[in-house]
Amino acid sequence: MSALDLAGQHVTVAGLGVSGVPAARALAGLGAVVTVVNGSAGERERAQAAPLEELGITVRLGDGDTLPEGTDLVVTTPGWKPTSPLFQAAEAAGVPVWGDVELAWRMRGPDSPPWLAVTGTNGKTTTVRMLAAILEAEGLRTAAVGNIGVPLVDVVLSDEPYDVLAVELSSYQLHWAPSVRAHSATVLNLAPDHLDWHGSMEAYAADKGRIYEGNTVACVYNVADKATEDLVREADVEEGCRAIGFTLGTPGPSQLGVVEGILVDRAFVENRHQQAQELAEVSDVTPAAPHNIANALAAAALARAFGVSPRAVRDGLRAFHPDAHRIEHVADIDGVAYVDDSKATNTHATEASLAAYEHIVWIAGGLAKGATFDELVKKSAGRLRGAVLIGADRGLIREALARHAPDVPVVDLDRTDTGAMPEAVREAARLARPGDTVLLAPACASMDMYLNYNKRGEAFADAVRTLAAQEQ
């Protein structure tokens, strides 16, 4: 079924929010009979529902489990679990379920731009924004879209004549997007995350791997993460599509890597067995932490797969600056650096963050989402000067530290209120010595204490600035 064939069809949209509202509008514009169902019915949801109802869309608030009678298609927003009663009812009735990304893909016109797609456990947004900066440096009309905040449904309906799109896709979105076929794509890395949603690591990896299906030019994988290469091997791609690796070491043929502080390409050159093309210097990447260099190499590989020049790779990377709360340097106080990586909401991201600094006082804790912390602590113990723990599941981290880093001083703040952060920063400052880094890299989600990781990072930065003012 094409999205363009939906006139007169009864379509149920599961969820409001960033992607549900534009999906409902777009479906109504196609002539579908649209019903939106949403489990919550608060003031925000009522405000979102009002303009939809003015378009003739039925909105059912407070009931997200019941499949409306006569539904021909369900379009879901990313957060809804596959085990939701609504989807079970749809399966029993033989009703297909599309995600908002699947809907956008099926709504594309004949002149729609190709997609360069990015997924992975960590680094997606940074890589997509790096990629967009590189494409713009080449003079291409592009946008960073998808899970990054601009709904793809809005993008495909836009009159903007894009040349190419840099598309971030989450595992949730990929689960419900079986038809998407990218020009080129990458899985940056794989580590346990969102297992409560997917049900298992195998299911999570399989959903991530969907991004490679039908690729036409390049499947870009992480040489240091064999699971990503395995997903490439398993993918059904177009004839001639190449496997392209990226590595922090010296690259082999068909890889991008680093040689003596230079990012080099041995994949998209005439004689990749004997030649390499210089793309940029490590110092052109901000910040030049190892995992961010990997992000830059992945972005460069996708851009090069699209035919972008080496000069544009360099200029795009120089122009790029990361979003807030991603290894963001806040201040130096008495010889100690204070760094906000509130976006490190799982152990994989936190491991990369901890690896970027030599001596660390670590501020961690929050909602663990089913994670365990033994491997993280074992790998990072030698870097830890101390640890300050906050949040609902801090005990799990405290126990891992006791098992694998018993000599590291630990301050356990028995608090889950927002006022805990200033105390955490003061305690971290007490433990730190000149040359150390106080690093907020929680390895946990924020919702036990804050609305989101941004608010948590802002609280940290505010507490650091207050401390700096007191020290003057």
Protein backbone atom coordinates (compact mmCIF):
# COMPACT_ATOMS: atom_id res chain seq x y z
CA MET A 1 0.00 0.00 0.00
CA SER A 2 1.32 3.45 -0.90
CA ALA A 3 0.64 6.39 1.35
CA LEU A 4 -0.80 8.08 -1.72
CA ASP A 5 -3.56 5.43 -1.84
CA LEU A 6 -5.00 6.27 1.58
CA ALA A 7 -7.91 8.49 0.49
CA GLY A 8 -11.02 7.22 2.25
CA GLN A 9 -9.05 4.71 4.35
CA HIS A 10 -9.57 4.67 8.11
CA VAL A 11 -6.17 5.32 9.71
CA THR A 12 -5.46 5.26 13.43
CA VAL A 13 -2.48 7.30 14.64
CA ALA A 14 -0.98 6.02 17.90
CA GLY A 15 0.21 8.98 19.93
CA LEU A 16 0.40 12.75 19.67
CA GLY A 17 3.69 14.55 20.24
CA VAL A 18 6.46 15.60 17.87
CA SER A 19 5.76 12.99 15.19
CA GLY A 20 2.12 12.04 15.81
CA VAL A 21 0.65 15.48 15.17
CA PRO A 22 2.35 16.00 11.75
CA ALA A 23 1.51 12.40 10.78
CA ALA A 24 -2.17 12.99 11.55
CA ARG A 25 -2.18 16.24 9.58
CA ALA A 26 -0.46 14.63 6.61
CA LEU A 27 -2.86 11.69 6.56
CA ALA A 28 -5.85 14.01 6.67
CA GLY A 29 -4.30 15.92 3.77
CA LEU A 30 -4.21 12.66 1.79
CA GLY A 31 -7.93 12.22 2.34
CA ALA A 32 -7.73 9.53 5.01
CA VAL A 33 -10.29 9.30 7.80
CA VAL A 34 -8.01 9.84 10.80
CA THR A 35 -8.42 8.91 14.46
CA VAL A 36 -5.68 9.70 16.97
CA VAL A 37 -5.50 7.65 20.17
CA ASN A 38 -3.36 8.70 23.12
CA GLY A 39 -3.05 7.14 26.57
CA SER A 40 -2.63 10.35 28.53
CA ALA A 41 -5.16 13.16 28.61
CA GLY A 42 -3.44 16.10 30.27
CA GLU A 43 -3.48 19.80 29.47
CA ARG A 44 -0.68 19.45 26.93
CA GLU A 45 -2.49 16.66 25.07
CA ARG A 46 -5.72 18.63 24.97
CA ALA A 47 -3.84 21.59 23.51
CA GLN A 48 -2.33 19.35 20.82
CA ALA A 49 -5.70 17.79 20.03
CA ALA A 50 -7.62 21.04 19.49
CA PRO A 51 -6.13 22.07 16.10
CA LEU A 52 -6.37 18.47 14.84
CA GLU A 53 -10.05 18.35 15.69
CA GLU A 54 -10.54 21.57 13.73
CA LEU A 55 -9.27 19.62 10.69
CA GLY A 56 -11.95 16.98 11.22
CA ILE A 57 -9.59 14.51 12.92
CA THR A 58 -11.05 12.46 15.78
CA VAL A 59 -8.85 12.48 18.89
CA ARG A 60 -9.39 9.96 21.70
CA LEU A 61 -7.48 10.97 24.81
CA GLY A 62 -7.05 8.62 27.76
CA ASP A 63 -7.49 5.46 25.67
CA GLY A 64 -4.40 4.15 23.92
CA ASP A 65 -5.26 0.46 24.08
CA THR A 66 -8.43 0.13 22.01
CA LEU A 67 -8.26 -0.25 18.23
CA PRO A 68 -10.99 1.91 16.71
CA GLU A 69 -13.55 -0.09 14.78
CA GLY A 70 -12.99 -0.19 11.02
CA THR A 71 -9.27 0.70 11.16
CA ASP A 72 -7.45 -0.11 7.90
CA LEU A 73 -3.98 1.04 8.98
CA VAL A 74 -2.19 2.04 12.19
CA VAL A 75 0.55 4.69 12.09
CA THR A 76 2.56 4.76 15.31
CA THR A 77 4.88 7.26 16.93
CA PRO A 78 8.26 5.90 18.11
CA GLY A 79 7.71 5.46 21.84
CA TRP A 80 4.93 2.86 21.72
CA LYS A 81 6.14 -0.65 22.55
CA PRO A 82 5.51 -3.44 20.05
CA THR A 83 3.73 -5.34 22.84
CA SER A 84 1.12 -2.59 23.30
CA PRO A 85 -2.48 -3.89 23.31
CA LEU A 86 -3.28 -1.62 20.36
CA PHE A 87 -0.76 -3.41 18.16
CA GLN A 88 -1.81 -6.82 19.38
CA ALA A 89 -5.36 -5.96 18.39
CA ALA A 90 -4.15 -4.72 15.00
CA GLU A 91 -2.23 -7.95 14.39
CA ALA A 92 -5.27 -10.03 15.34
CA ALA A 93 -7.40 -8.03 12.90
CA GLY A 94 -4.82 -8.23 10.09
CA VAL A 95 -4.26 -4.45 10.17
CA PRO A 96 -0.75 -3.28 9.13
CA VAL A 97 1.29 -1.00 11.39
CA TRP A 98 3.61 1.68 9.99
CA GLY A 99 5.89 4.00 11.89
CA ASP A 100 6.00 7.71 11.13
CA VAL A 101 9.25 7.15 9.21
CA GLU A 102 7.62 4.43 7.11
CA LEU A 103 4.76 6.82 6.34
CA ALA A 104 7.24 9.52 5.30
CA TRP A 105 9.13 7.08 3.07
CA ARG A 106 5.92 6.04 1.31
CA MET A 107 4.88 9.68 0.84
CA ARG A 108 8.00 10.65 -1.08
CA GLY A 109 7.56 12.02 -4.57
CA PRO A 110 9.50 10.96 -7.70
CA ASP A 111 12.07 13.72 -7.18
CA SER A 112 12.59 13.11 -3.47
CA PRO A 113 16.20 13.43 -2.26
CA PRO A 114 18.21 10.35 -1.24
CA TRP A 115 18.72 9.56 2.43
CA LEU A 116 22.08 9.18 4.16
CA ALA A 117 21.00 7.39 7.34
CA VAL A 118 22.60 7.06 10.77
CA THR A 119 21.77 4.89 13.76
CA GLY A 120 23.66 3.40 16.71
CA THR A 121 23.44 3.22 20.46
CA ASN A 122 25.39 6.47 20.88
CA GLY A 123 26.57 9.36 18.75
CA LYS A 124 23.67 9.49 16.28
CA THR A 125 22.75 13.15 16.63
CA THR A 126 26.35 14.35 16.62
CA THR A 127 27.17 12.29 13.53
CA VAL A 128 24.08 13.45 11.63
CA ARG A 129 24.83 17.08 12.41
CA MET A 130 28.47 16.60 11.36
CA LEU A 131 27.25 14.99 8.14
CA ALA A 132 24.88 17.88 7.43
CA ALA A 133 27.72 20.37 8.02
CA ILE A 134 29.93 18.50 5.55
CA LEU A 135 27.18 18.34 2.93
CA GLU A 136 26.51 22.06 3.35
CA ALA A 137 30.24 22.78 2.93
CA GLU A 138 29.97 21.04 -0.44
CA GLY A 139 27.20 23.48 -1.38
CA LEU A 140 24.44 20.88 -1.20
CA ARG A 141 20.93 21.71 0.02
CA THR A 142 20.42 19.43 3.00
CA ALA A 143 18.96 19.16 6.49
CA ALA A 144 19.54 17.05 9.60
CA VAL A 145 16.18 15.35 10.11
CA GLY A 146 14.34 12.39 11.62
CA ASN A 147 14.95 11.50 15.25
CA ILE A 148 16.98 14.68 15.55
CA GLY A 149 13.79 16.70 15.93
CA VAL A 150 12.45 17.63 12.48
CA PRO A 151 9.73 15.07 11.60
CA LEU A 152 10.39 13.35 8.29
CA VAL A 153 6.72 13.63 7.36
CA ASP A 154 7.07 17.42 7.39
CA VAL A 155 10.30 17.23 5.40
CA VAL A 156 8.89 15.11 2.56
CA LEU A 157 5.89 17.45 2.27
CA SER A 158 8.11 20.53 2.22
CA ASP A 159 8.58 22.59 -0.93
CA GLU A 160 12.30 22.87 -0.11
CA PRO A 161 14.28 21.33 -3.01
CA TYR A 162 16.78 19.29 -0.98
CA ASP A 163 19.68 17.55 -2.73
CA VAL A 164 20.17 14.98 0.04
CA LEU A 165 18.97 14.39 3.62
CA ALA A 166 21.05 13.50 6.69
CA VAL A 167 18.65 11.23 8.57
CA GLU A 168 18.92 10.09 12.18
CA LEU A 169 16.89 6.94 12.88
CA SER A 170 16.31 5.38 16.29
CA SER A 171 15.81 1.67 16.88
CA TYR A 172 12.15 2.45 17.65
CA GLN A 173 11.70 4.10 14.27
CA LEU A 174 13.55 1.37 12.38
CA HIS A 175 11.38 -1.32 13.98
CA TRP A 176 8.33 0.09 12.20
CA ALA A 177 10.05 1.09 8.92
CA PRO A 178 10.59 -2.05 6.83
CA SER A 179 10.44 -0.30 3.44
CA VAL A 180 13.11 2.39 3.98
CA ARG A 181 16.00 2.07 1.52
CA ALA A 182 18.87 4.51 2.09
CA HIS A 183 21.52 5.61 -0.39
CA SER A 184 24.10 4.80 2.30
CA ALA A 185 23.83 4.14 6.03
CA THR A 186 25.81 3.45 9.18
CA VAL A 187 25.36 1.70 12.51
CA LEU A 188 27.87 3.58 14.66
CA ASN A 189 28.01 1.10 17.55
CA LEU A 190 25.91 -1.44 19.41
CA ALA A 191 25.51 -1.81 23.17
CA PRO A 192 22.60 -2.88 25.37
CA ASP A 193 19.96 -0.15 25.48
CA HIS A 194 16.16 0.05 25.41
CA LEU A 195 15.97 -3.69 26.06
CA ASP A 196 12.70 -3.18 27.93
CA TRP A 197 11.24 -1.94 24.63
CA HIS A 198 12.81 -4.46 22.26
CA GLY A 199 12.69 -7.47 24.56
CA SER A 200 16.27 -8.67 23.95
CA MET A 201 19.66 -7.57 22.69
CA GLU A 202 19.15 -9.70 19.59
CA ALA A 203 15.90 -7.92 18.75
CA TYR A 204 17.48 -4.51 19.41
CA ALA A 205 20.41 -5.30 17.10
CA ALA A 206 18.10 -6.64 14.40
CA ASP A 207 16.10 -3.41 14.42
CA LYS A 208 19.28 -1.35 14.18
CA GLY A 209 20.42 -3.54 11.28
CA ARG A 210 17.31 -2.68 9.26
CA ILE A 211 19.06 0.56 8.31
CA TYR A 212 21.35 -1.37 5.93
CA GLU A 213 18.53 -3.10 4.04
CA GLY A 214 18.47 -2.08 0.40
CA ASN A 215 21.42 0.32 0.62
CA THR A 216 22.60 1.25 -2.85
CA VAL A 217 26.13 2.66 -2.41
CA ALA A 218 27.70 2.03 1.02
CA CYS A 219 27.08 0.24 4.32
CA VAL A 220 29.38 1.98 6.81
CA TYR A 221 30.40 -0.01 9.90
CA ASN A 222 32.62 0.39 12.96
CA VAL A 223 35.76 -1.74 12.69
CA ALA A 224 36.09 -1.73 16.51
CA ASP A 225 32.53 -3.05 16.94
CA LYS A 226 32.25 -6.40 15.15
CA ALA A 227 28.50 -6.52 15.70
CA THR A 228 28.07 -3.63 13.27
CA GLU A 229 30.05 -5.48 10.58
CA ASP A 230 27.97 -8.59 11.21
CA LEU A 231 24.82 -6.56 10.51
CA VAL A 232 26.32 -5.48 7.16
CA ARG A 233 27.06 -9.10 6.26
CA GLU A 234 23.46 -10.07 7.02
CA ALA A 235 21.89 -7.20 5.08
CA ASP A 236 20.22 -7.60 1.69
CA VAL A 237 21.67 -4.71 -0.31
CA GLU A 238 21.63 -3.55 -3.91
CA GLU A 239 24.19 -5.02 -6.31
CA GLY A 240 27.45 -3.08 -6.06
CA CYS A 241 26.84 -1.68 -2.59
CA ARG A 242 30.13 -1.67 -0.64
CA ALA A 243 31.03 -2.36 2.99
CA ILE A 244 33.07 0.60 4.28
CA GLY A 245 34.77 0.50 7.69
CA PHE A 246 35.90 3.31 9.95
CA THR A 247 38.62 2.92 12.56
CA LEU A 248 40.64 5.04 14.98
CA GLY A 249 43.71 3.15 13.78
CA THR A 250 45.46 2.97 10.43
CA PRO A 251 42.83 2.12 7.81
CA GLY A 252 43.02 -0.78 5.43
CA PRO A 253 41.56 -0.74 1.91
CA SER A 254 37.86 0.25 1.89
CA GLN A 255 38.25 1.97 5.25
CA LEU A 256 38.60 5.45 6.72
CA GLY A 257 40.92 5.93 9.69
CA VAL A 258 43.58 8.01 11.41
CA VAL A 259 47.29 8.24 10.54
CA GLU A 260 49.56 10.52 12.60
CA GLY A 261 46.75 12.88 13.56
CA ILE A 262 45.21 12.96 10.07
CA LEU A 263 41.79 11.59 9.09
CA VAL A 264 42.34 9.65 5.86
CA ASP A 265 40.21 7.87 3.27
CA ARG A 266 41.27 4.54 1.70
CA ALA A 267 37.78 3.72 0.47
CA PHE A 268 36.74 6.38 -2.03
CA VAL A 269 40.04 6.80 -3.89
CA GLU A 270 41.16 5.46 -7.26
CA ASN A 271 43.69 2.97 -5.93
CA ARG A 272 42.59 2.14 -2.38
CA HIS A 273 45.18 -0.61 -2.04
CA GLN A 274 48.08 1.81 -2.41
CA GLN A 275 46.71 5.31 -1.90
CA ALA A 276 45.01 7.34 0.84
CA GLN A 277 43.31 10.73 0.68
CA GLU A 278 43.81 13.24 3.48
CA LEU A 279 40.47 14.57 4.69
CA ALA A 280 41.08 16.60 7.84
CA GLU A 281 43.19 16.82 10.96
CA VAL A 282 42.12 15.43 14.31
CA SER A 283 42.30 19.00 15.60
CA ASP A 284 39.53 19.94 13.14
CA VAL A 285 37.08 17.86 15.23
CA THR A 286 35.46 19.42 18.32
CA PRO A 287 35.85 17.91 20.85
CA ALA A 288 38.70 15.65 19.74
CA ALA A 289 37.73 12.82 22.10
CA PRO A 290 38.21 9.33 20.62
CA HIS A 291 34.53 8.52 20.26
CA ASN A 292 33.91 11.88 18.57
CA ILE A 293 36.70 11.21 16.09
CA ALA A 294 34.84 7.97 15.29
CA ASN A 295 31.67 9.98 14.73
CA ALA A 296 33.56 12.28 12.36
CA LEU A 297 34.93 9.33 10.38
CA ALA A 298 31.45 7.82 10.02
CA ALA A 299 30.04 11.16 8.83
CA ALA A 300 32.94 11.54 6.41
CA ALA A 301 32.37 8.03 5.03
CA LEU A 302 28.70 8.72 4.29
CA ALA A 303 29.56 12.07 2.71
CA ARG A 304 32.30 10.53 0.57
CA ALA A 305 29.87 7.79 -0.50
CA PHE A 306 27.70 10.62 -1.84
CA GLY A 307 30.66 12.06 -3.78
CA VAL A 308 31.60 14.92 -1.46
CA SER A 309 35.09 16.39 -1.85
CA PRO A 310 37.86 16.08 0.76
CA ARG A 311 37.85 19.87 1.17
CA ALA A 312 34.18 19.84 2.18
CA VAL A 313 34.84 17.14 4.77
CA ARG A 314 37.52 19.32 6.37
CA ASP A 315 35.49 22.54 6.16
CA GLY A 316 32.33 20.87 7.47
CA LEU A 317 34.11 19.36 10.46
CA ARG A 318 35.74 22.70 11.27
CA ALA A 319 32.34 24.42 11.13
CA PHE A 320 30.60 21.88 13.34
CA HIS A 321 30.09 22.47 17.05
CA PRO A 322 28.33 19.85 19.19
CA ASP A 323 25.01 20.38 20.92
CA ALA A 324 24.96 21.26 24.59
CA HIS A 325 25.48 18.55 27.23
CA ARG A 326 27.73 16.44 24.99
CA ILE A 327 31.23 16.57 26.52
CA GLU A 328 30.72 20.30 27.02
CA HIS A 329 33.45 22.11 28.92
CA VAL A 330 31.74 24.36 31.48
CA ALA A 331 34.60 25.95 33.45
CA ASP A 332 38.04 25.55 34.99
CA ILE A 333 38.16 26.17 38.74
CA ASP A 334 41.42 25.97 40.69
CA GLY A 335 43.03 23.85 37.98
CA VAL A 336 40.10 21.41 37.75
CA ALA A 337 38.04 21.09 34.53
CA TYR A 338 34.27 20.69 34.84
CA VAL A 339 32.66 18.84 31.92
CA ASP A 340 28.96 18.26 31.21
CA ASP A 341 28.15 15.01 29.39
CA SER A 342 24.59 14.67 30.68
CA LYS A 343 23.70 13.09 27.31
CA ALA A 344 25.66 9.98 28.44
CA THR A 345 22.50 8.18 29.54
CA ASN A 346 23.79 4.61 29.20
CA THR A 347 26.95 2.69 30.04
CA HIS A 348 28.28 2.64 26.48
CA ALA A 349 28.18 6.43 26.16
CA THR A 350 29.66 6.86 29.62
CA GLU A 351 32.53 4.46 28.88
CA ALA A 352 33.46 6.61 25.87
CA SER A 353 33.19 9.76 27.95
CA LEU A 354 35.36 8.42 30.78
CA ALA A 355 37.96 7.27 28.26
CA ALA A 356 38.48 10.86 27.11
CA TYR A 357 40.10 12.01 30.40
CA GLU A 358 43.04 10.80 32.48
CA HIS A 359 41.95 11.57 36.06
CA ILE A 360 38.25 11.92 36.82
CA VAL A 361 35.88 12.66 39.66
CA TRP A 362 32.76 11.04 38.29
CA ILE A 363 29.22 12.28 38.97
CA ALA A 364 26.82 9.47 38.08
CA GLY A 365 23.42 7.97 38.74
CA GLY A 366 19.75 8.22 37.82
CA LEU A 367 17.45 5.63 36.26
CA ALA A 368 19.45 2.57 35.19
CA LYS A 369 16.87 1.26 32.68
CA GLY A 370 17.91 -2.29 33.51
CA ALA A 371 21.62 -1.67 32.97
CA THR A 372 24.47 -3.18 34.99
CA PHE A 373 27.68 -1.30 35.73
CA ASP A 374 30.39 -3.89 36.46
CA GLU A 375 32.05 -3.79 33.03
CA LEU A 376 31.95 0.00 32.93
CA VAL A 377 33.62 0.31 36.33
CA LYS A 378 36.19 -2.39 35.59
CA LYS A 379 37.29 -0.62 32.39
CA SER A 380 37.35 2.85 33.95
CA ALA A 381 38.57 2.21 37.50
CA GLY A 382 42.14 3.32 36.80
CA ARG A 383 40.95 6.78 35.77
CA LEU A 384 38.73 7.47 38.78
CA ARG A 385 39.92 9.87 41.46
CA GLY A 386 36.52 9.66 43.14
CA ALA A 387 32.80 9.26 42.51
CA VAL A 388 29.72 11.18 43.61
CA LEU A 389 26.44 9.28 43.19
CA ILE A 390 22.92 10.68 42.88
CA GLY A 391 19.55 9.41 41.72
CA ALA A 392 17.22 6.49 42.21
CA ASP A 393 19.52 3.67 41.06
CA ARG A 394 22.84 5.01 42.40
CA GLY A 395 23.12 1.92 44.61
CA LEU A 396 23.84 -0.24 41.54
CA ILE A 397 26.82 1.94 40.67
CA ARG A 398 27.97 2.07 44.31
CA GLU A 399 27.97 -1.74 44.46
CA ALA A 400 29.92 -2.03 41.20
CA LEU A 401 32.50 0.45 42.52
CA ALA A 402 32.81 -1.55 45.75
CA ARG A 403 33.47 -4.72 43.75
CA HIS A 404 35.86 -3.37 41.12
CA ALA A 405 37.27 -0.08 42.45
CA PRO A 406 37.30 -0.45 46.24
CA ASP A 407 40.01 2.17 46.72
CA VAL A 408 38.07 4.91 44.92
CA PRO A 409 36.42 7.33 47.40
CA VAL A 410 32.64 7.34 46.92
CA VAL A 411 30.16 9.97 48.12
CA ASP A 412 26.62 8.54 48.07
CA LEU A 413 24.12 11.39 48.18
CA ASP A 414 20.87 9.89 49.37
CA ARG A 415 18.84 12.32 47.26
CA THR A 416 16.68 12.28 44.16
CA ASP A 417 15.58 15.93 44.29
CA THR A 418 16.88 18.57 41.91
CA GLY A 419 18.73 20.25 44.78
CA ALA A 420 21.15 17.32 44.82
CA MET A 421 23.23 18.66 41.94
CA PRO A 422 24.82 21.65 43.74
CA GLU A 423 25.80 19.35 46.59
CA ALA A 424 27.20 16.80 44.11
CA VAL A 425 29.35 19.48 42.47
CA ARG A 426 30.65 20.69 45.85
CA GLU A 427 31.54 17.13 46.88
CA ALA A 428 33.25 16.49 43.54
CA ALA A 429 35.28 19.68 43.94
CA ARG A 430 36.38 18.47 47.38
CA LEU A 431 37.64 15.18 45.90
CA ALA A 432 39.35 16.72 42.85
CA ARG A 433 42.97 17.77 42.53
CA PRO A 434 44.53 20.22 40.03
CA GLY A 435 44.68 18.56 36.63
CA ASP A 436 41.59 16.41 37.29
CA THR A 437 38.27 16.54 35.45
CA VAL A 438 34.94 16.60 37.25
CA LEU A 439 32.74 14.77 34.77
CA LEU A 440 28.96 14.52 34.77
CA ALA A 441 28.46 11.32 32.76
CA PRO A 442 25.54 9.70 34.58
CA ALA A 443 25.27 6.34 32.71
CA CYS A 444 21.56 6.61 33.55
CA ALA A 445 18.42 8.35 32.37
CA SER A 446 17.38 11.55 34.09
CA MET A 447 13.63 11.25 34.66
CA ASP A 448 13.87 10.33 38.34
CA MET A 449 15.10 13.87 39.05
CA TYR A 450 14.75 15.99 35.90
CA LEU A 451 12.44 16.41 32.92
CA ASN A 452 15.24 15.33 30.57
CA TYR A 453 19.04 15.13 30.25
CA ASN A 454 19.13 18.78 29.10
CA LYS A 455 17.66 19.96 32.40
CA ARG A 456 20.11 17.76 34.29
CA GLY A 457 23.04 19.24 32.35
CA GLU A 458 21.79 22.76 32.94
CA ALA A 459 21.58 22.05 36.68
CA PHE A 460 25.19 20.85 36.64
CA ALA A 461 26.39 23.87 34.67
CA ASP A 462 24.53 26.24 36.99
CA ALA A 463 26.07 24.57 40.04
CA VAL A 464 29.56 24.81 38.52
CA ARG A 465 29.12 28.52 37.74
CA THR A 466 27.91 29.14 41.28
CA LEU A 467 30.99 27.36 42.62
CA ALA A 468 33.23 29.42 40.31
CA ALA A 469 31.66 32.66 41.58
CA GLN A 470 32.23 31.59 45.18
CA GLU A 471 35.89 30.82 44.47
CA GLN A 472 36.61 34.27 43.02
